[in-house]
N, C-alpha and C. Protein backbone atom coordinates (compact mmCIF):
# COMPACT_ATOMS: atom_id res chain seq x y z
N MET A 1 -29.82 57.90 34.26
CA MET A 1 -31.09 57.34 33.84
C MET A 1 -31.92 57.00 35.07
N LEU A 2 -33.19 57.33 35.03
CA LEU A 2 -34.08 57.02 36.15
C LEU A 2 -34.48 55.55 36.09
N ASN A 3 -34.30 54.85 37.20
CA ASN A 3 -34.69 53.45 37.34
C ASN A 3 -35.82 53.37 38.35
N THR A 4 -36.83 52.56 38.02
CA THR A 4 -37.97 52.37 38.91
C THR A 4 -37.91 50.97 39.48
N PHE A 5 -37.82 50.89 40.81
CA PHE A 5 -37.78 49.62 41.51
C PHE A 5 -39.09 49.41 42.24
N VAL A 6 -39.63 48.20 42.14
CA VAL A 6 -40.77 47.79 42.95
C VAL A 6 -40.19 46.83 43.98
N VAL A 7 -40.37 47.16 45.26
CA VAL A 7 -39.77 46.40 46.34
C VAL A 7 -40.87 45.98 47.31
N HIS A 8 -41.02 44.69 47.51
CA HIS A 8 -41.97 44.17 48.49
C HIS A 8 -41.19 43.89 49.77
N VAL A 9 -41.69 44.42 50.88
CA VAL A 9 -41.02 44.27 52.17
C VAL A 9 -42.02 43.81 53.22
N GLU A 10 -41.49 43.29 54.32
CA GLU A 10 -42.36 42.95 55.44
C GLU A 10 -42.93 44.24 56.01
N ASN A 11 -44.19 44.21 56.38
CA ASN A 11 -44.86 45.39 56.92
C ASN A 11 -44.56 45.46 58.42
N LYS A 12 -43.35 45.96 58.73
CA LYS A 12 -42.89 46.05 60.11
C LYS A 12 -42.27 47.42 60.35
N PRO A 13 -42.27 47.87 61.62
CA PRO A 13 -41.63 49.16 61.93
C PRO A 13 -40.14 49.13 61.62
N GLY A 14 -39.62 50.23 61.10
CA GLY A 14 -38.20 50.37 60.86
C GLY A 14 -37.73 49.97 59.48
N VAL A 15 -38.57 49.30 58.69
CA VAL A 15 -38.14 48.83 57.37
C VAL A 15 -37.86 50.03 56.45
N LEU A 16 -38.72 51.02 56.45
CA LEU A 16 -38.51 52.20 55.61
C LEU A 16 -37.19 52.88 55.96
N THR A 17 -36.88 52.99 57.24
CA THR A 17 -35.63 53.61 57.67
C THR A 17 -34.43 52.83 57.15
N ARG A 18 -34.48 51.50 57.22
CA ARG A 18 -33.37 50.69 56.73
C ARG A 18 -33.17 50.84 55.23
N VAL A 19 -34.28 50.88 54.47
CA VAL A 19 -34.17 51.04 53.02
C VAL A 19 -33.62 52.42 52.68
N ALA A 20 -34.14 53.46 53.30
CA ALA A 20 -33.65 54.81 53.03
C ALA A 20 -32.18 54.95 53.43
N SER A 21 -31.79 54.34 54.53
CA SER A 21 -30.39 54.38 54.96
C SER A 21 -29.47 53.71 53.96
N LEU A 22 -29.92 52.64 53.34
CA LEU A 22 -29.12 51.97 52.32
C LEU A 22 -28.79 52.94 51.19
N PHE A 23 -29.79 53.68 50.73
CA PHE A 23 -29.56 54.65 49.66
C PHE A 23 -28.65 55.78 50.12
N ARG A 24 -28.81 56.22 51.35
CA ARG A 24 -27.95 57.27 51.90
C ARG A 24 -26.51 56.79 51.97
N ARG A 25 -26.29 55.59 52.51
CA ARG A 25 -24.92 55.06 52.64
C ARG A 25 -24.25 54.89 51.29
N ARG A 26 -25.00 54.54 50.28
CA ARG A 26 -24.43 54.31 48.94
C ARG A 26 -24.41 55.59 48.10
N ALA A 27 -24.84 56.71 48.69
CA ALA A 27 -24.84 58.03 48.05
C ALA A 27 -25.70 58.08 46.78
N PHE A 28 -26.86 57.42 46.82
CA PHE A 28 -27.84 57.51 45.74
C PHE A 28 -28.95 58.43 46.21
N ASN A 29 -29.36 59.34 45.33
CA ASN A 29 -30.47 60.22 45.65
C ASN A 29 -31.77 59.56 45.20
N ILE A 30 -32.71 59.45 46.11
CA ILE A 30 -34.03 58.91 45.77
C ILE A 30 -34.83 60.03 45.13
N ASP A 31 -35.22 59.83 43.88
CA ASP A 31 -36.02 60.82 43.16
C ASP A 31 -37.48 60.77 43.62
N SER A 32 -37.97 59.57 43.89
CA SER A 32 -39.35 59.38 44.32
C SER A 32 -39.43 58.12 45.17
N LEU A 33 -40.21 58.17 46.24
CA LEU A 33 -40.40 57.02 47.11
C LEU A 33 -41.85 56.98 47.56
N THR A 34 -42.52 55.89 47.26
CA THR A 34 -43.91 55.71 47.67
C THR A 34 -44.03 54.36 48.37
N VAL A 35 -44.69 54.35 49.51
CA VAL A 35 -44.84 53.12 50.29
C VAL A 35 -46.31 52.96 50.66
N SER A 36 -46.81 51.74 50.51
CA SER A 36 -48.20 51.48 50.92
C SER A 36 -48.39 50.00 51.19
N ARG A 37 -49.52 49.69 51.79
CA ARG A 37 -49.88 48.28 52.03
C ARG A 37 -50.22 47.63 50.70
N THR A 38 -50.20 46.31 50.69
CA THR A 38 -50.59 45.55 49.51
C THR A 38 -51.85 44.77 49.83
N GLU A 39 -52.18 43.86 48.93
CA GLU A 39 -53.34 42.99 49.16
C GLU A 39 -53.11 42.04 50.32
N LYS A 40 -51.85 41.88 50.75
CA LYS A 40 -51.51 41.05 51.91
C LYS A 40 -51.13 41.99 53.06
N PRO A 41 -51.83 41.93 54.19
CA PRO A 41 -51.58 42.88 55.28
C PRO A 41 -50.15 42.82 55.83
N GLU A 42 -49.47 41.71 55.69
CA GLU A 42 -48.11 41.58 56.23
C GLU A 42 -47.02 42.07 55.27
N VAL A 43 -47.43 42.55 54.08
CA VAL A 43 -46.48 43.00 53.06
C VAL A 43 -46.77 44.44 52.66
N SER A 44 -45.71 45.25 52.58
CA SER A 44 -45.82 46.60 52.04
C SER A 44 -45.08 46.65 50.71
N ARG A 45 -45.48 47.58 49.88
CA ARG A 45 -44.88 47.74 48.55
C ARG A 45 -44.26 49.12 48.46
N MET A 46 -42.99 49.15 48.08
CA MET A 46 -42.29 50.41 47.87
C MET A 46 -42.07 50.58 46.37
N THR A 47 -42.32 51.77 45.88
CA THR A 47 -41.93 52.13 44.53
C THR A 47 -40.85 53.18 44.69
N ILE A 48 -39.63 52.85 44.26
CA ILE A 48 -38.48 53.72 44.45
C ILE A 48 -37.93 54.10 43.08
N VAL A 49 -37.82 55.40 42.82
CA VAL A 49 -37.22 55.89 41.57
C VAL A 49 -35.89 56.51 41.94
N VAL A 50 -34.83 56.04 41.29
CA VAL A 50 -33.48 56.51 41.59
C VAL A 50 -32.72 56.72 40.29
N ASP A 51 -31.87 57.75 40.27
CA ASP A 51 -31.05 58.04 39.10
C ASP A 51 -29.79 57.17 39.19
N ALA A 52 -29.67 56.19 38.29
CA ALA A 52 -28.54 55.27 38.31
C ALA A 52 -28.33 54.68 36.93
N ASP A 53 -27.07 54.38 36.60
CA ASP A 53 -26.82 53.67 35.34
C ASP A 53 -27.08 52.18 35.57
N ARG A 54 -26.87 51.38 34.54
CA ARG A 54 -27.21 49.94 34.63
C ARG A 54 -26.45 49.23 35.74
N ASP A 55 -25.14 49.47 35.82
CA ASP A 55 -24.34 48.81 36.86
C ASP A 55 -24.76 49.25 38.26
N GLN A 56 -25.00 50.54 38.42
CA GLN A 56 -25.45 51.04 39.71
C GLN A 56 -26.81 50.45 40.08
N ALA A 57 -27.69 50.32 39.09
CA ALA A 57 -29.03 49.75 39.36
C ALA A 57 -28.90 48.30 39.82
N LEU A 58 -28.01 47.56 39.22
CA LEU A 58 -27.79 46.16 39.64
C LEU A 58 -27.25 46.11 41.07
N ARG A 59 -26.35 47.05 41.42
CA ARG A 59 -25.83 47.10 42.79
C ARG A 59 -26.92 47.49 43.78
N VAL A 60 -27.79 48.43 43.39
CA VAL A 60 -28.90 48.81 44.27
C VAL A 60 -29.77 47.58 44.54
N GLU A 61 -30.10 46.85 43.49
CA GLU A 61 -30.94 45.65 43.65
C GLU A 61 -30.27 44.64 44.57
N ALA A 62 -28.98 44.37 44.36
CA ALA A 62 -28.26 43.42 45.20
C ALA A 62 -28.21 43.88 46.65
N ASN A 63 -27.98 45.17 46.87
CA ASN A 63 -27.93 45.69 48.23
C ASN A 63 -29.29 45.66 48.92
N LEU A 64 -30.35 45.87 48.15
CA LEU A 64 -31.70 45.78 48.75
C LEU A 64 -31.95 44.36 49.27
N TYR A 65 -31.48 43.36 48.52
CA TYR A 65 -31.68 41.98 48.96
C TYR A 65 -30.90 41.64 50.22
N LYS A 66 -29.89 42.41 50.56
CA LYS A 66 -29.12 42.17 51.78
C LYS A 66 -29.92 42.57 53.02
N LEU A 67 -30.94 43.38 52.83
CA LEU A 67 -31.78 43.80 53.96
C LEU A 67 -32.71 42.67 54.35
N VAL A 68 -32.79 42.39 55.63
CA VAL A 68 -33.53 41.24 56.14
C VAL A 68 -35.00 41.26 55.75
N ASN A 69 -35.65 42.42 55.80
CA ASN A 69 -37.09 42.49 55.60
C ASN A 69 -37.52 42.59 54.14
N VAL A 70 -36.59 42.57 53.20
CA VAL A 70 -36.92 42.68 51.78
C VAL A 70 -37.31 41.30 51.25
N LEU A 71 -38.48 41.22 50.62
CA LEU A 71 -38.99 39.96 50.09
C LEU A 71 -38.81 39.82 48.59
N LEU A 72 -38.95 40.92 47.85
CA LEU A 72 -38.93 40.88 46.39
C LEU A 72 -38.44 42.21 45.87
N VAL A 73 -37.57 42.18 44.86
CA VAL A 73 -37.08 43.39 44.22
C VAL A 73 -37.22 43.21 42.72
N GLU A 74 -37.77 44.20 42.05
CA GLU A 74 -37.86 44.16 40.60
C GLU A 74 -37.59 45.55 40.04
N ASN A 75 -36.65 45.61 39.11
CA ASN A 75 -36.39 46.85 38.38
C ASN A 75 -37.29 46.82 37.15
N ILE A 76 -38.33 47.64 37.14
CA ILE A 76 -39.30 47.60 36.04
C ILE A 76 -39.00 48.64 34.97
N THR A 77 -37.83 49.26 35.04
CA THR A 77 -37.43 50.23 34.03
C THR A 77 -37.40 49.55 32.67
N GLY A 78 -38.07 50.13 31.71
CA GLY A 78 -38.08 49.58 30.35
C GLY A 78 -39.01 48.40 30.16
N LYS A 79 -39.70 47.98 31.20
CA LYS A 79 -40.66 46.87 31.10
C LYS A 79 -42.06 47.46 30.90
N PRO A 80 -42.95 46.71 30.28
CA PRO A 80 -44.33 47.21 30.15
C PRO A 80 -44.93 47.43 31.55
N SER A 81 -45.24 48.67 31.86
CA SER A 81 -45.73 48.98 33.20
C SER A 81 -46.65 50.19 33.16
N ILE A 82 -47.35 50.36 34.26
CA ILE A 82 -48.23 51.50 34.44
C ILE A 82 -47.61 52.34 35.55
N CYS A 83 -47.32 53.61 35.26
CA CYS A 83 -46.74 54.52 36.25
C CYS A 83 -47.65 55.73 36.39
N ARG A 84 -47.97 56.09 37.61
CA ARG A 84 -48.85 57.22 37.86
C ARG A 84 -48.31 58.09 38.98
N ASP A 85 -48.66 59.36 38.91
CA ASP A 85 -48.33 60.35 39.92
C ASP A 85 -49.63 61.10 40.22
N LEU A 86 -49.84 61.46 41.46
CA LEU A 86 -51.01 62.24 41.86
C LEU A 86 -50.51 63.57 42.41
N ALA A 87 -51.14 64.65 42.02
CA ALA A 87 -50.80 65.96 42.56
C ALA A 87 -52.08 66.69 42.95
N ILE A 88 -51.98 67.45 44.02
CA ILE A 88 -53.04 68.37 44.43
C ILE A 88 -52.41 69.75 44.40
N ILE A 89 -53.00 70.64 43.60
CA ILE A 89 -52.41 71.96 43.35
C ILE A 89 -53.43 73.03 43.72
N LYS A 90 -53.02 73.94 44.60
CA LYS A 90 -53.87 75.09 44.94
C LYS A 90 -53.35 76.28 44.14
N VAL A 91 -54.21 76.84 43.32
CA VAL A 91 -53.81 77.94 42.44
C VAL A 91 -54.66 79.17 42.73
N SER A 92 -54.02 80.31 42.68
CA SER A 92 -54.73 81.57 42.88
C SER A 92 -55.71 81.76 41.73
N ALA A 93 -56.95 82.09 42.07
CA ALA A 93 -57.97 82.22 41.02
C ALA A 93 -59.01 83.25 41.42
N ALA A 94 -58.76 84.47 41.01
CA ALA A 94 -59.77 85.51 41.21
C ALA A 94 -60.96 85.16 40.33
N HIS A 95 -62.08 85.76 40.62
CA HIS A 95 -63.31 85.42 39.90
C HIS A 95 -63.16 85.53 38.38
N ASN A 96 -62.47 86.55 37.89
CA ASN A 96 -62.33 86.74 36.43
C ASN A 96 -61.31 85.80 35.80
N GLU A 97 -60.48 85.09 36.59
CA GLU A 97 -59.49 84.16 36.05
C GLU A 97 -59.97 82.71 36.05
N ARG A 98 -61.12 82.45 36.62
CA ARG A 98 -61.57 81.06 36.78
C ARG A 98 -61.87 80.36 35.46
N SER A 99 -62.47 81.05 34.52
CA SER A 99 -62.82 80.39 33.24
C SER A 99 -61.61 79.84 32.51
N PRO A 100 -60.53 80.61 32.32
CA PRO A 100 -59.38 80.03 31.63
C PRO A 100 -58.74 78.88 32.41
N ILE A 101 -58.73 78.99 33.74
CA ILE A 101 -58.16 77.91 34.55
C ILE A 101 -59.01 76.65 34.42
N LEU A 102 -60.34 76.80 34.45
CA LEU A 102 -61.21 75.64 34.30
C LEU A 102 -61.06 74.98 32.92
N GLU A 103 -60.83 75.79 31.88
CA GLU A 103 -60.58 75.23 30.55
C GLU A 103 -59.29 74.42 30.54
N ILE A 104 -58.26 74.95 31.17
CA ILE A 104 -56.98 74.23 31.27
C ILE A 104 -57.18 72.91 32.00
N ILE A 105 -57.90 72.95 33.09
CA ILE A 105 -58.15 71.74 33.88
C ILE A 105 -58.85 70.68 33.03
N ASN A 106 -59.83 71.09 32.23
CA ASN A 106 -60.53 70.14 31.36
C ASN A 106 -59.61 69.53 30.32
N VAL A 107 -58.73 70.33 29.75
CA VAL A 107 -57.79 69.82 28.74
C VAL A 107 -56.91 68.72 29.35
N PHE A 108 -56.48 68.90 30.59
CA PHE A 108 -55.61 67.93 31.26
C PHE A 108 -56.38 66.80 31.95
N ARG A 109 -57.69 66.82 31.83
CA ARG A 109 -58.56 65.82 32.48
C ARG A 109 -58.33 65.76 33.99
N ALA A 110 -58.08 66.93 34.55
CA ALA A 110 -57.95 67.07 36.00
C ALA A 110 -59.32 67.45 36.54
N ARG A 111 -59.42 67.63 37.84
CA ARG A 111 -60.70 68.04 38.40
C ARG A 111 -60.49 68.97 39.58
N VAL A 112 -61.47 69.83 39.77
CA VAL A 112 -61.45 70.76 40.91
C VAL A 112 -62.01 70.01 42.11
N VAL A 113 -61.25 70.03 43.21
CA VAL A 113 -61.71 69.36 44.43
C VAL A 113 -62.10 70.36 45.52
N ASP A 114 -61.79 71.66 45.30
CA ASP A 114 -62.19 72.67 46.27
C ASP A 114 -62.23 74.04 45.60
N PHE A 115 -63.35 74.75 45.81
CA PHE A 115 -63.50 76.14 45.37
C PHE A 115 -63.41 77.01 46.61
N ALA A 116 -62.62 78.06 46.54
CA ALA A 116 -62.59 79.08 47.59
C ALA A 116 -62.79 80.43 46.91
N LEU A 117 -62.95 81.47 47.69
CA LEU A 117 -63.19 82.79 47.10
C LEU A 117 -62.06 83.24 46.19
N ASP A 118 -60.83 82.92 46.56
CA ASP A 118 -59.68 83.42 45.79
C ASP A 118 -58.75 82.32 45.28
N SER A 119 -59.21 81.06 45.33
CA SER A 119 -58.35 79.97 44.86
C SER A 119 -59.18 78.76 44.42
N LEU A 120 -58.51 77.91 43.64
CA LEU A 120 -59.06 76.61 43.24
C LEU A 120 -58.05 75.54 43.64
N THR A 121 -58.53 74.42 44.11
CA THR A 121 -57.65 73.30 44.41
C THR A 121 -57.96 72.22 43.39
N ILE A 122 -56.91 71.77 42.70
CA ILE A 122 -57.03 70.87 41.56
C ILE A 122 -56.36 69.56 41.87
N GLU A 123 -56.97 68.48 41.44
CA GLU A 123 -56.39 67.14 41.57
C GLU A 123 -56.11 66.61 40.17
N ILE A 124 -54.91 66.09 39.96
CA ILE A 124 -54.57 65.47 38.68
C ILE A 124 -53.84 64.16 38.94
N THR A 125 -54.19 63.17 38.15
CA THR A 125 -53.52 61.88 38.20
C THR A 125 -53.08 61.53 36.80
N GLY A 126 -51.87 61.04 36.68
CA GLY A 126 -51.37 60.63 35.37
C GLY A 126 -49.88 60.42 35.41
N GLY A 127 -49.30 60.34 34.25
CA GLY A 127 -47.85 60.21 34.16
C GLY A 127 -47.17 61.45 34.71
N GLU A 128 -45.93 61.29 35.11
CA GLU A 128 -45.18 62.39 35.71
C GLU A 128 -45.09 63.58 34.77
N GLU A 129 -44.91 63.32 33.47
CA GLU A 129 -44.81 64.42 32.50
C GLU A 129 -46.10 65.20 32.38
N LYS A 130 -47.23 64.50 32.43
CA LYS A 130 -48.52 65.17 32.36
C LYS A 130 -48.70 66.12 33.55
N VAL A 131 -48.36 65.65 34.73
CA VAL A 131 -48.47 66.48 35.93
C VAL A 131 -47.52 67.67 35.82
N ASP A 132 -46.29 67.43 35.37
CA ASP A 132 -45.33 68.53 35.20
C ASP A 132 -45.85 69.59 34.23
N ARG A 133 -46.46 69.15 33.13
CA ARG A 133 -46.99 70.11 32.14
C ARG A 133 -48.10 70.96 32.74
N LEU A 134 -49.01 70.34 33.50
CA LEU A 134 -50.08 71.12 34.13
C LEU A 134 -49.50 72.14 35.10
N VAL A 135 -48.52 71.75 35.88
CA VAL A 135 -47.90 72.67 36.83
C VAL A 135 -47.32 73.87 36.08
N GLU A 136 -46.65 73.63 34.97
CA GLU A 136 -46.06 74.73 34.20
C GLU A 136 -47.12 75.65 33.62
N VAL A 137 -48.23 75.10 33.16
CA VAL A 137 -49.30 75.91 32.59
C VAL A 137 -50.00 76.74 33.67
N LEU A 138 -50.10 76.19 34.88
CA LEU A 138 -50.76 76.91 35.98
C LEU A 138 -49.85 77.92 36.67
N ARG A 139 -48.56 77.78 36.52
CA ARG A 139 -47.60 78.64 37.22
C ARG A 139 -47.87 80.14 37.03
N PRO A 140 -48.19 80.63 35.82
CA PRO A 140 -48.46 82.07 35.65
C PRO A 140 -49.66 82.58 36.48
N TYR A 141 -50.58 81.70 36.83
CA TYR A 141 -51.73 82.11 37.64
C TYR A 141 -51.37 82.24 39.12
N GLY A 142 -50.27 81.60 39.51
CA GLY A 142 -49.82 81.66 40.90
C GLY A 142 -50.17 80.40 41.67
N ILE A 143 -49.23 79.50 41.75
CA ILE A 143 -49.43 78.28 42.54
C ILE A 143 -49.18 78.64 44.00
N LEU A 144 -50.20 78.45 44.82
CA LEU A 144 -50.12 78.79 46.23
C LEU A 144 -49.54 77.65 47.06
N GLU A 145 -49.87 76.43 46.65
CA GLU A 145 -49.44 75.25 47.40
C GLU A 145 -49.56 74.04 46.48
N MET A 146 -48.67 73.07 46.68
CA MET A 146 -48.73 71.87 45.86
C MET A 146 -48.16 70.70 46.64
N VAL A 147 -48.75 69.52 46.44
CA VAL A 147 -48.24 68.28 47.02
C VAL A 147 -48.35 67.20 45.95
N ARG A 148 -47.33 66.34 45.88
CA ARG A 148 -47.33 65.23 44.93
C ARG A 148 -47.04 63.94 45.68
N THR A 149 -47.64 62.85 45.20
CA THR A 149 -47.46 61.57 45.88
C THR A 149 -46.14 60.91 45.57
N GLY A 150 -45.58 61.16 44.41
CA GLY A 150 -44.46 60.37 43.93
C GLY A 150 -45.02 59.29 43.03
N ILE A 151 -44.15 58.60 42.36
CA ILE A 151 -44.54 57.60 41.38
C ILE A 151 -45.01 56.32 42.06
N VAL A 152 -46.13 55.79 41.60
CA VAL A 152 -46.53 54.42 41.91
C VAL A 152 -46.52 53.67 40.60
N ALA A 153 -46.03 52.44 40.62
CA ALA A 153 -45.87 51.70 39.37
C ALA A 153 -46.21 50.24 39.57
N MET A 154 -46.65 49.63 38.48
CA MET A 154 -47.00 48.21 38.48
C MET A 154 -46.76 47.66 37.08
N ARG A 155 -46.19 46.47 37.01
CA ARG A 155 -46.01 45.85 35.70
C ARG A 155 -47.35 45.46 35.12
N ARG A 156 -47.43 45.52 33.80
CA ARG A 156 -48.65 45.09 33.11
C ARG A 156 -48.69 43.57 33.06
N GLY A 157 -49.89 43.00 33.02
CA GLY A 157 -50.05 41.56 32.85
C GLY A 157 -49.84 40.79 34.14
N THR A 158 -49.68 39.48 33.99
CA THR A 158 -49.59 38.60 35.15
C THR A 158 -48.25 37.91 35.29
N LYS A 159 -47.26 38.27 34.51
CA LYS A 159 -45.97 37.59 34.52
C LYS A 159 -45.34 37.60 35.91
N LEU A 160 -45.36 38.72 36.62
CA LEU A 160 -44.78 38.81 37.95
C LEU A 160 -45.48 37.87 38.91
N GLU A 161 -46.81 37.81 38.83
CA GLU A 161 -47.57 36.94 39.72
C GLU A 161 -47.21 35.48 39.50
N GLU A 162 -47.09 35.07 38.22
CA GLU A 162 -46.76 33.69 37.91
C GLU A 162 -45.36 33.34 38.41
N ALA A 163 -44.39 34.23 38.19
CA ALA A 163 -43.02 33.97 38.62
C ALA A 163 -42.93 33.95 40.13
N SER A 164 -43.67 34.84 40.80
CA SER A 164 -43.67 34.87 42.25
C SER A 164 -44.24 33.58 42.82
N ALA A 165 -45.32 33.07 42.22
CA ALA A 165 -45.92 31.82 42.67
C ALA A 165 -44.97 30.65 42.46
N ALA A 166 -44.26 30.63 41.34
CA ALA A 166 -43.30 29.57 41.07
C ALA A 166 -42.16 29.60 42.08
N ALA A 167 -41.69 30.81 42.41
CA ALA A 167 -40.61 30.94 43.38
C ALA A 167 -41.07 30.47 44.76
N ALA A 168 -42.30 30.81 45.12
CA ALA A 168 -42.84 30.40 46.41
C ALA A 168 -43.04 28.88 46.46
N ALA A 169 -43.44 28.30 45.34
CA ALA A 169 -43.68 26.86 45.27
C ALA A 169 -42.39 26.06 45.41
N SER A 170 -41.25 26.64 44.95
CA SER A 170 -39.99 25.92 45.05
C SER A 170 -39.61 25.69 46.50
N GLY A 171 -39.95 26.66 47.37
CA GLY A 171 -39.79 26.49 48.81
C GLY A 171 -38.38 26.18 49.28
N ASN A 172 -37.36 26.45 48.48
CA ASN A 172 -36.01 26.10 48.90
C ASN A 172 -35.34 27.20 49.71
N GLY A 173 -35.99 28.33 49.88
CA GLY A 173 -35.47 29.40 50.71
C GLY A 173 -34.35 30.20 50.06
N ALA A 174 -34.02 29.90 48.83
CA ALA A 174 -32.94 30.61 48.15
C ALA A 174 -33.52 31.64 47.20
N ALA A 175 -32.70 32.58 46.81
CA ALA A 175 -33.13 33.58 45.84
C ALA A 175 -33.11 32.97 44.46
N THR A 176 -34.13 33.24 43.68
CA THR A 176 -34.21 32.78 42.31
C THR A 176 -34.10 33.99 41.41
N VAL A 177 -33.27 33.89 40.39
CA VAL A 177 -33.08 35.02 39.49
C VAL A 177 -33.50 34.63 38.10
N ALA A 178 -34.44 35.40 37.53
CA ALA A 178 -34.88 35.18 36.15
C ALA A 178 -34.08 36.14 35.28
N SER A 179 -33.04 35.63 34.62
CA SER A 179 -32.12 36.52 33.92
C SER A 179 -32.76 37.28 32.78
N ASP A 180 -33.74 36.70 32.07
CA ASP A 180 -34.36 37.38 30.96
C ASP A 180 -35.11 38.62 31.41
N ASP A 181 -35.71 38.58 32.56
CA ASP A 181 -36.56 39.68 33.03
C ASP A 181 -35.87 40.54 34.08
N ASN A 182 -34.67 40.16 34.52
CA ASN A 182 -33.99 40.90 35.57
C ASN A 182 -34.89 41.03 36.80
N VAL A 183 -35.55 39.92 37.14
CA VAL A 183 -36.44 39.88 38.30
C VAL A 183 -35.81 38.95 39.30
N SER A 184 -35.72 39.36 40.56
CA SER A 184 -35.15 38.54 41.60
C SER A 184 -36.21 38.30 42.67
N TYR A 185 -36.18 37.10 43.24
CA TYR A 185 -37.13 36.76 44.28
C TYR A 185 -36.40 36.18 45.46
N SER A 186 -36.82 36.53 46.62
CA SER A 186 -36.26 35.95 47.84
C SER A 186 -37.42 35.32 48.59
N VAL A 187 -37.31 34.04 48.83
CA VAL A 187 -38.40 33.33 49.48
C VAL A 187 -37.96 32.80 50.82
């Protein structure tokens, strides 16, 4: 089963290497990894998708907390969340093939970001399945090049923010675990 972890880490050199090494040492394959800055310049956010059963997912979470630079870990699998993937796809498109490709693009609510004499470059954002379906539909035309960002995810609502603020307010320096939500905080 694919598990999606949202991990907040200190924005310092070497943190990504330590997190990736943890997965390598534990023999877990990372299906998707996305890292970016957050609203706080000193914090980066990782969205990590890994194939693991429930027990393995709990071990991954516990092992992530052993890393010094990890601030917050949340397994959002099965929780109300927004997950998106971005892909840029360059497809072969001779002049006479452009109309059907443009119709396909409209159906998927994608957009053309570059026209060339013999190709179109398409941008699509959405769920992973939506992107996969567009790739399959475009494959007969000849995909010349493709890049995908990987999954980015965020829980819906403000529950995480409220729990994070409560954990920070406690100020005891210990990890707090909310058993109902399977959310762990390290302050």
